[in-house]
């Protein structure tokens, strides 16, 4: 399985701060819960990667 492998799985994603000063990505899918905590600096790096990926995805859709 890779980044381009499509799956028919429904998931819920929640993002927010924790009371301990971390940023949590909370993923729930198929009865499984995955909490992922990040330092604020790590969360900002992830946000930058998401923005870059969105920009690259837009470039792909414009070529089609």
PDB file of N, CA and C in Angstrom:
ATOM      1  N   UNK A   1       0.849  -1.168   0.000  1.00  0.00           N
ATOM      2  CA  UNK A   1       0.000   0.000   0.000  1.00  0.00           C
ATOM      3  C   UNK A   1       0.896   1.232   0.000  1.00  0.00           C
ATOM      4  N   UNK A   2       0.549   2.193  -0.812  1.00  0.00           N
ATOM      5  CA  UNK A   2       1.324   3.417  -0.890  1.00  0.00           C
ATOM      6  C   UNK A   2       0.428   4.635  -0.917  1.00  0.00           C
ATOM      7  N   UNK A   3       1.038   5.776  -1.101  1.00  0.00           N
ATOM      8  CA  UNK A   3       0.307   7.043  -1.078  1.00  0.00           C
ATOM      9  C   UNK A   3      -0.732   7.112  -2.202  1.00  0.00           C
ATOM     10  N   UNK A   4      -0.506   6.416  -3.312  1.00  0.00           N
ATOM     11  CA  UNK A   4      -1.444   6.457  -4.436  1.00  0.00           C
ATOM     12  C   UNK A   4      -2.416   5.285  -4.468  1.00  0.00           C
ATOM     13  N   UNK A   5      -2.398   4.435  -3.451  1.00  0.00           N
ATOM     14  CA  UNK A   5      -3.326   3.308  -3.384  1.00  0.00           C
ATOM     15  C   UNK A   5      -4.639   3.780  -2.761  1.00  0.00           C
ATOM     16  N   UNK A   6      -5.711   3.707  -3.517  1.00  0.00           N
ATOM     17  CA  UNK A   6      -7.008   4.126  -3.004  1.00  0.00           C
ATOM     18  C   UNK A   6      -7.619   3.036  -2.144  1.00  0.00           C
ATOM     19  N   UNK A   7      -8.294   3.449  -1.094  1.00  0.00           N
ATOM     20  CA  UNK A   7      -9.000   2.545  -0.196  1.00  0.00           C
ATOM     21  C   UNK A   7     -10.396   3.097   0.041  1.00  0.00           C
ATOM     22  N   UNK A   8     -11.336   2.199   0.240  1.00  0.00           N
ATOM     23  CA  UNK A   8     -12.706   2.595   0.534  1.00  0.00           C
ATOM     24  C   UNK A   8     -12.920   2.484   2.042  1.00  0.00           C
ATOM     25  N   UNK A   9     -12.240   3.356   2.785  1.00  0.00           N
ATOM     26  CA  UNK A   9     -12.333   3.362   4.239  1.00  0.00           C
ATOM     27  C   UNK A   9     -12.753   4.756   4.677  1.00  0.00           C
ATOM     28  N   UNK A  10     -13.756   4.798   5.521  1.00  0.00           N
ATOM     29  CA  UNK A  10     -14.212   6.073   6.050  1.00  0.00           C
ATOM     30  C   UNK A  10     -13.508   6.325   7.376  1.00  0.00           C
ATOM     31  N   UNK A  11     -13.030   7.542   7.567  1.00  0.00           N
ATOM     32  CA  UNK A  11     -12.319   7.887   8.795  1.00  0.00           C
ATOM     33  C   UNK A  11     -12.732   9.271   9.259  1.00  0.00           C
ATOM     34  N   UNK A  12     -12.550   9.504  10.546  1.00  0.00           N
ATOM     35  CA  UNK A  12     -12.818  10.798  11.145  1.00  0.00           C
ATOM     36  C   UNK A  12     -11.499  11.358  11.658  1.00  0.00           C
ATOM     37  N   UNK A  13     -11.211  12.617  11.340  1.00  0.00           N
ATOM     38  CA  UNK A  13      -9.984  13.272  11.774  1.00  0.00           C
ATOM     39  C   UNK A  13     -10.348  14.498  12.600  1.00  0.00           C
ATOM     40  N   UNK A  14      -9.793  14.556  13.797  1.00  0.00           N
ATOM     41  CA  UNK A  14      -9.952  15.725  14.652  1.00  0.00           C
ATOM     42  C   UNK A  14      -8.563  16.272  14.961  1.00  0.00           C
ATOM     43  N   UNK A  15      -8.443  17.588  14.994  1.00  0.00           N
ATOM     44  CA  UNK A  15      -7.165  18.238  15.273  1.00  0.00           C
ATOM     45  C   UNK A  15      -7.402  19.300  16.333  1.00  0.00           C
ATOM     46  N   UNK A  16      -6.546  19.298  17.358  1.00  0.00           N
ATOM     47  CA  UNK A  16      -6.702  20.317  18.387  1.00  0.00           C
ATOM     48  C   UNK A  16      -5.584  20.265  19.411  1.00  0.00           C
ATOM     49  N   UNK A  17      -5.559  21.274  20.277  1.00  0.00           N
ATOM     50  CA  UNK A  17      -4.545  21.314  21.321  1.00  0.00           C
ATOM     51  C   UNK A  17      -4.943  20.423  22.495  1.00  0.00           C
ATOM     52  N   UNK A  18      -3.945  19.890  23.175  1.00  0.00           N
ATOM     53  CA  UNK A  18      -4.204  19.123  24.392  1.00  0.00           C
ATOM     54  C   UNK A  18      -3.952  20.021  25.601  1.00  0.00           C
ATOM     55  N   UNK A  19      -4.395  19.567  26.758  1.00  0.00           N
ATOM     56  CA  UNK A  19      -4.172  20.360  27.965  1.00  0.00           C
ATOM     57  C   UNK A  19      -2.726  20.291  28.458  1.00  0.00           C
ATOM     58  N   UNK A  20      -1.892  19.515  27.765  1.00  0.00           N
ATOM     59  CA  UNK A  20      -0.472  19.452  28.122  1.00  0.00           C
ATOM     60  C   UNK A  20       0.403  20.228  27.125  1.00  0.00           C
ATOM     61  N   UNK A  21      -0.229  21.022  26.241  1.00  0.00           N
ATOM     62  CA  UNK A  21       0.524  21.864  25.326  1.00  0.00           C
ATOM     63  C   UNK A  21       0.979  21.192  24.047  1.00  0.00           C
ATOM     64  N   UNK A  22       0.394  20.065  23.731  1.00  0.00           N
ATOM     65  CA  UNK A  22       0.713  19.358  22.499  1.00  0.00           C
ATOM     66  C   UNK A  22      -0.402  19.617  21.483  1.00  0.00           C
ATOM     67  N   UNK A  23      -0.126  19.298  20.238  1.00  0.00           N
ATOM     68  CA  UNK A  23      -1.150  19.327  19.189  1.00  0.00           C
ATOM     69  C   UNK A  23      -1.479  17.875  18.875  1.00  0.00           C
ATOM     70  N   UNK A  24      -2.746  17.531  18.940  1.00  0.00           N
ATOM     71  CA  UNK A  24      -3.153  16.143  18.719  1.00  0.00           C
ATOM     72  C   UNK A  24      -3.919  16.004  17.416  1.00  0.00           C
ATOM     73  N   UNK A  25      -3.483  15.028  16.615  1.00  0.00           N
ATOM     74  CA  UNK A  25      -4.274  14.532  15.494  1.00  0.00           C
ATOM     75  C   UNK A  25      -4.931  13.266  16.013  1.00  0.00           C
ATOM     76  N   UNK A  26      -6.245  13.215  15.972  1.00  0.00           N
ATOM     77  CA  UNK A  26      -6.981  12.065  16.477  1.00  0.00           C
ATOM     78  C   UNK A  26      -7.742  11.457  15.312  1.00  0.00           C
ATOM     79  N   UNK A  27      -7.390  10.226  14.977  1.00  0.00           N
ATOM     80  CA  UNK A  27      -7.988   9.542  13.832  1.00  0.00           C
ATOM     81  C   UNK A  27      -8.799   8.369  14.345  1.00  0.00           C
ATOM     82  N   UNK A  28     -10.036   8.262  13.860  1.00  0.00           N
ATOM     83  CA  UNK A  28     -10.895   7.131  14.205  1.00  0.00           C
ATOM     84  C   UNK A  28     -11.364   6.511  12.900  1.00  0.00           C
ATOM     85  N   UNK A  29     -11.128   5.201  12.772  1.00  0.00           N
ATOM     86  CA  UNK A  29     -11.554   4.491  11.572  1.00  0.00           C
ATOM     87  C   UNK A  29     -11.754   3.021  11.902  1.00  0.00           C
ATOM     88  N   UNK A  30     -12.856   2.493  11.478  1.00  0.00           N
ATOM     89  CA  UNK A  30     -13.111   1.069  11.652  1.00  0.00           C
ATOM     90  C   UNK A  30     -13.027   0.601  13.093  1.00  0.00           C
ATOM     91  N   UNK A  31     -13.477   1.430  14.023  1.00  0.00           N
ATOM     92  CA  UNK A  31     -13.445   1.052  15.428  1.00  0.00           C
ATOM     93  C   UNK A  31     -12.085   1.238  16.093  1.00  0.00           C
ATOM     94  N   UNK A  32     -11.109   1.702  15.358  1.00  0.00           N
ATOM     95  CA  UNK A  32      -9.777   1.956  15.918  1.00  0.00           C
ATOM     96  C   UNK A  32      -9.601   3.446  16.143  1.00  0.00           C
ATOM     97  N   UNK A  33      -8.935   3.806  17.229  1.00  0.00           N
ATOM     98  CA  UNK A  33      -8.637   5.199  17.521  1.00  0.00           C
ATOM     99  C   UNK A  33      -7.128   5.369  17.578  1.00  0.00           C
ATOM    100  N   UNK A  34      -6.630   6.394  16.883  1.00  0.00           N
ATOM    101  CA  UNK A  34      -5.188   6.641  16.833  1.00  0.00           C
ATOM    102  C   UNK A  34      -4.936   8.091  17.239  1.00  0.00           C
ATOM    103  N   UNK A  35      -4.482   8.316  18.478  1.00  0.00           N
ATOM    104  CA  UNK A  35      -4.099   9.661  18.879  1.00  0.00           C
ATOM    105  C   UNK A  35      -2.624   9.880  18.556  1.00  0.00           C
ATOM    106  N   UNK A  36      -2.323  10.979  17.907  1.00  0.00           N
ATOM    107  CA  UNK A  36      -0.940  11.297  17.551  1.00  0.00           C
ATOM    108  C   UNK A  36      -0.635  12.691  18.082  1.00  0.00           C
ATOM    109  N   UNK A  37       0.287  12.784  19.040  1.00  0.00           N
ATOM    110  CA  UNK A  37       0.627  14.060  19.661  1.00  0.00           C
ATOM    111  C   UNK A  37       1.939  14.600  19.112  1.00  0.00           C
ATOM    112  N   UNK A  38       1.977  15.926  18.901  1.00  0.00           N
ATOM    113  CA  UNK A  38       3.143  16.590  18.344  1.00  0.00           C
ATOM    114  C   UNK A  38       3.439  17.855  19.133  1.00  0.00           C
ATOM    115  N   UNK A  39       4.721  18.169  19.246  1.00  0.00           N
ATOM    116  CA  UNK A  39       5.121  19.466  19.785  1.00  0.00           C
ATOM    117  C   UNK A  39       4.603  20.533  18.814  1.00  0.00           C
ATOM    118  N   UNK A  40       4.327  21.737  19.290  1.00  0.00           N
ATOM    119  CA  UNK A  40       3.828  22.779  18.392  1.00  0.00           C
ATOM    120  C   UNK A  40       4.716  23.002  17.167  1.00  0.00           C
ATOM    121  N   UNK A  41       6.031  22.942  17.334  1.00  0.00           N
ATOM    122  CA  UNK A  41       6.937  23.139  16.201  1.00  0.00           C
ATOM    123  C   UNK A  41       6.782  22.031  15.165  1.00  0.00           C
ATOM    124  N   UNK A  42       6.606  20.785  15.646  1.00  0.00           N
ATOM    125  CA  UNK A  42       6.387  19.660  14.731  1.00  0.00           C
ATOM    126  C   UNK A  42       5.074  19.844  13.977  1.00  0.00           C
ATOM    127  N   UNK A  43       4.050  20.314  14.682  1.00  0.00           N
ATOM    128  CA  UNK A  43       2.741  20.534  14.058  1.00  0.00           C
ATOM    129  C   UNK A  43       2.842  21.585  12.961  1.00  0.00           C
ATOM    130  N   UNK A  44       3.648  22.628  13.202  1.00  0.00           N
ATOM    131  CA  UNK A  44       3.831  23.650  12.170  1.00  0.00           C
ATOM    132  C   UNK A  44       4.543  23.080  10.953  1.00  0.00           C
ATOM    133  N   UNK A  45       5.504  22.196  11.158  1.00  0.00           N
ATOM    134  CA  UNK A  45       6.180  21.543  10.031  1.00  0.00           C
ATOM    135  C   UNK A  45       5.197  20.683   9.245  1.00  0.00           C
ATOM    136  N   UNK A  46       4.324  19.970   9.946  1.00  0.00           N
ATOM    137  CA  UNK A  46       3.308  19.148   9.285  1.00  0.00           C
ATOM    138  C   UNK A  46       2.370  20.043   8.475  1.00  0.00           C
ATOM    139  N   UNK A  47       1.980  21.178   9.045  1.00  0.00           N
ATOM    140  CA  UNK A  47       1.101  22.113   8.333  1.00  0.00           C
ATOM    141  C   UNK A  47       1.765  22.599   7.049  1.00  0.00           C
ATOM    142  N   UNK A  48       3.062  22.888   7.104  1.00  0.00           N
ATOM    143  CA  UNK A  48       3.786  23.312   5.903  1.00  0.00           C
ATOM    144  C   UNK A  48       3.805  22.201   4.858  1.00  0.00           C
ATOM    145  N   UNK A  49       3.987  20.961   5.305  1.00  0.00           N
ATOM    146  CA  UNK A  49       3.973  19.831   4.369  1.00  0.00           C
ATOM    147  C   UNK A  49       2.602  19.659   3.736  1.00  0.00           C
ATOM    148  N   UNK A  50       1.539  19.867   4.521  1.00  0.00           N
ATOM    149  CA  UNK A  50       0.181  19.791   3.977  1.00  0.00           C
ATOM    150  C   UNK A  50      -0.045  20.873   2.926  1.00  0.00           C
ATOM    151  N   UNK A  51       0.412  22.084   3.209  1.00  0.00           N
ATOM    152  CA  UNK A  51       0.267  23.169   2.227  1.00  0.00           C
ATOM    153  C   UNK A  51       1.022  22.853   0.942  1.00  0.00           C
ATOM    154  N   UNK A  52       2.239  22.338   1.071  1.00  0.00           N
ATOM    155  CA  UNK A  52       3.040  21.993  -0.114  1.00  0.00           C
ATOM    156  C   UNK A  52       2.375  20.872  -0.908  1.00  0.00           C
ATOM    157  N   UNK A  53       1.812  19.893  -0.215  1.00  0.00           N
ATOM    158  CA  UNK A  53       1.131  18.797  -0.904  1.00  0.00           C
ATOM    159  C   UNK A  53      -0.124  19.295  -1.618  1.00  0.00           C
ATOM    160  N   UNK A  54      -0.860  20.214  -0.982  1.00  0.00           N
ATOM    161  CA  UNK A  54      -2.052  20.779  -1.622  1.00  0.00           C
ATOM    162  C   UNK A  54      -1.669  21.551  -2.884  1.00  0.00           C
ATOM    163  N   UNK A  55      -0.585  22.296  -2.808  1.00  0.00           N
ATOM    164  CA  UNK A  55      -0.122  23.040  -3.973  1.00  0.00           C
ATOM    165  C   UNK A  55       0.289  22.081  -5.091  1.00  0.00           C
ATOM    166  N   UNK A  56       0.989  21.011  -4.756  1.00  0.00           N
ATOM    167  CA  UNK A  56       1.401  20.031  -5.763  1.00  0.00           C
ATOM    168  C   UNK A  56       0.188  19.329  -6.362  1.00  0.00           C
ATOM    169  N   UNK A  57      -0.813  19.038  -5.534  1.00  0.00           N
ATOM    170  CA  UNK A  57      -2.033  18.387  -6.036  1.00  0.00           C
ATOM    171  C   UNK A  57      -2.762  19.292  -7.004  1.00  0.00           C
ATOM    172  N   UNK A  58      -2.807  20.585  -6.694  1.00  0.00           N
ATOM    173  CA  UNK A  58      -3.438  21.533  -7.621  1.00  0.00           C
ATOM    174  C   UNK A  58      -2.729  21.544  -8.973  1.00  0.00           C
ATOM    175  N   UNK A  59      -1.408  21.472  -8.934  1.00  0.00           N
ATOM    176  CA  UNK A  59      -0.638  21.464 -10.182  1.00  0.00           C
ATOM    177  C   UNK A  59      -0.971  20.228 -11.006  1.00  0.00           C
ATOM    178  N   UNK A  60      -1.177  19.092 -10.368  1.00  0.00           N
ATOM    179  CA  UNK A  60      -1.519  17.850 -11.080  1.00  0.00           C
ATOM    180  C   UNK A  60      -2.894  17.994 -11.734  1.00  0.00           C
ATOM    181  N   UNK A  61      -3.866  18.529 -11.003  1.00  0.00           N
ATOM    182  CA  UNK A  61      -5.217  18.647 -11.560  1.00  0.00           C
ATOM    183  C   UNK A  61      -5.285  19.673 -12.676  1.00  0.00           C
ATOM    184  N   UNK A  62      -4.427  20.664 -12.662  1.00  0.00           N
ATOM    185  CA  UNK A  62      -4.401  21.667 -13.747  1.00  0.00           C
ATOM    186  C   UNK A  62      -3.853  21.073 -15.035  1.00  0.00           C
ATOM    187  N   UNK A  63      -2.978  20.082 -14.911  1.00  0.00           N
ATOM    188  CA  UNK A  63      -2.379  19.451 -16.106  1.00  0.00           C
ATOM    189  C   UNK A  63      -3.357  18.526 -16.798  1.00  0.00           C
ATOM    190  N   UNK A  64      -4.375  18.086 -16.121  1.00  0.00           N
ATOM    191  CA  UNK A  64      -5.311  17.120 -16.714  1.00  0.00           C
ATOM    192  C   UNK A  64      -6.350  17.800 -17.555  1.00  0.00           C
TER     193      UNK A  64
END
